Each structure stands twice: as C-alpha cells, then as structure tokens.
Amino acid sequence: MQPKPELRVLARREGALPGERLPLVLEVAPNADYALLDSGGGEKLEQYGPYRIVRPEGQAIWQRALPAREWDRADAVFTGDTDEEGMGRWRFPKTPLGETWPMKHDGLDYLGRFTSFRHVGVFPEQASHWDHMASLIVAAKRPVKVLNLFGYTGLASLVAARAGAEVTHVDASKKAIGWARENQEIARLADKPIRWIVEDAMKFAEREERRGSRYDIILFDPPAYGRGPKGEVWQLFEHLPALTDICRSILTPKPLAVVLTAYSIRASFFAIHALMRDTFAGMGGRVESGELIIREQSAGRALSTSLFSRWVAQ
C-alpha cells in the first residue's frame, strides 16, 4: 500500500483580489456538428454528426417537448447505471454501430466513441472555453504555451494547436491518450507541437514547478474522484486548492488565462470562484465564474452541464 502523499502547505496569497464577473453563463447553441434536440424525464436526445443519441441526464427533471416518435428514431441508447461514472452499455435500435464514428467541431475532424461510461469523447459545452482560448492565442501575437491537465480525448489541445500554441496534454488514462493521438492524426494536425503525456495531473504539475517549466494558459478539468496510472487518488475538495496553487506557480511572467471546469460536484460556482480569486490575488486581471449550458433545440430550455471559474489577465 502506497503511503499517502503529504498535502501541499497553503497560505493565503497577499495582494488585491482580481476583479470579478459573475454569474457568467456560457452557452452552446445547436449547430451542424452538435445539437441538444430535446430533454426531459431524466434523459437527453442529442445529435452528434450523423447519429441521434439518447443518454441519461439527471438534471432534465422537466417533461420532454418532442413526441415519442422523435426519440424512437435514436441510433444509439445508453442503458445501465445512470451515475456519471457508472458502467453501462449501448443499445442500437436500428443497425449495430461500430465503436467509433467520424465527427467534426468547427472544421476539426475527430472520432466520437461509444464508451461504457456513457460519454462519447467530447463535451460540446466546452466549445465556449475553446473559442475563448483560441482567441487569446491568436491575439497574443507571440509564442504561447498551453497546459491541458485531465485532457481526455484532446479536443481542447487540438483547438489550441490549430490556433498556433505549443501544447502539453496530460491525462492519467493511457487509453484516452491513445484516442487523443488518433484524433490528432484525423484532424490533420500531426505536424503541430503537442506533447501527449500519461501521468497523474498533480504529480506532473508538481514536477513542472520543480523544473521551472512555465505556461501561458492552463486548462484543468478535474473529476470529482479519480485515480492516476500508479494508483494515485484524486479527491476534488481535498486536492483542488493545492493544484490550483501549483497552476499559479507554473505560469509565465505574462500569462493569459487559467480555466477550471468542475463537473458532478455538489457545490455552487461561488465556491470555486472564491478559490480562484484567492489563489490569483496580486496578479490583477479578473475571475469570471458561472455555468456552462447547452441550449435545447426543441423548447429552448437551458441544460446546465458544469460549473467553471477562469482567471484572465486582461
């Protein structure tokens, strides 16, 4: 049994708190690549490229707006455990489908994938962050280094690389990194500078701090609970303050942004907003916090997917 690592000793930062903007609701509307067609009754009906998909959605406590025949046209339905990280399987009412299928985001090709954890390899609501990040990279008019922690299948990393950044992508899952590399090839971005690293995010960030590595933009999208490749345990409320503190310490002298997204936690965005403002005290800029939502096509309802808080220098 591995000894429990010592927690980073934290002290409140000196200096004025950054400005603030809240609540900020970042919205993704239906488009040709992705649409939330309808939701209700604890489920959501989505269009991912060529496929219509039904998945569990605990927040959809209202009634469906579309008739049953529209839901019955689904190509894939996730069945089994409805917990965010629960195991289950996919049922294909029409024709058995392969594990992967071609998808696009803003002209970037990548692979969708039917996983046993109900996810399909992309979180469309993150597009708001991706667009913001890409605009910062382009506007900087200088070399920009991006660190993507808990990077999953790499869409954010690909968007950053396409915009001109040098990217370091970290995830504890070897399978996810393999999928991300595959997406890089499919997106025709093999010549772009992306480092793909299989490692525990906290351990990697700590090592970068010791080595003096620095980044202009840091994205981190930690789970509520997770395990690293060597059995390292991640607990959001226990470890997030330390990781946020490390993220500040590995910024360049002229950083652009740090973006934190938090899924599946019983908290208000005010909690992570206060953490980010405290951590970035004395650095100026502002902290923007709120929710990521997807706007439904059928009745125009907003489906909240996650909380976020981001520090931006300008």
Foldseek 3Di string as FASTA:
>chain_A
DDDADDADDDDFDDAAFAAEDDDDEQEDEDDQQKAFAWAAPQWTWMDHHPFIEIAGHNVRHHHIQDDPVVVVPGQKYWDDDNPQQDFTFIDGPPDDDDQWDWGDDPLFIAIFGCDRNRGGQDDVLCVSVLVVLLVLLLVVPDEFEEEEELCFQAPSVLSNQVSPYQYEYEHQDPVRLVRNVVSCVRRVNPVTHYHYYNWHRVVVLVVCLVVLAAGQEYEYEDACWDAGNVGRIDHCVVRVLRSLLSNVSRHDPNHFKYKYKYFDDPDAQVVVQVSNRRSCHPQYAYKHWHFRWYQHDRPRDTDTTTIMIMGGND
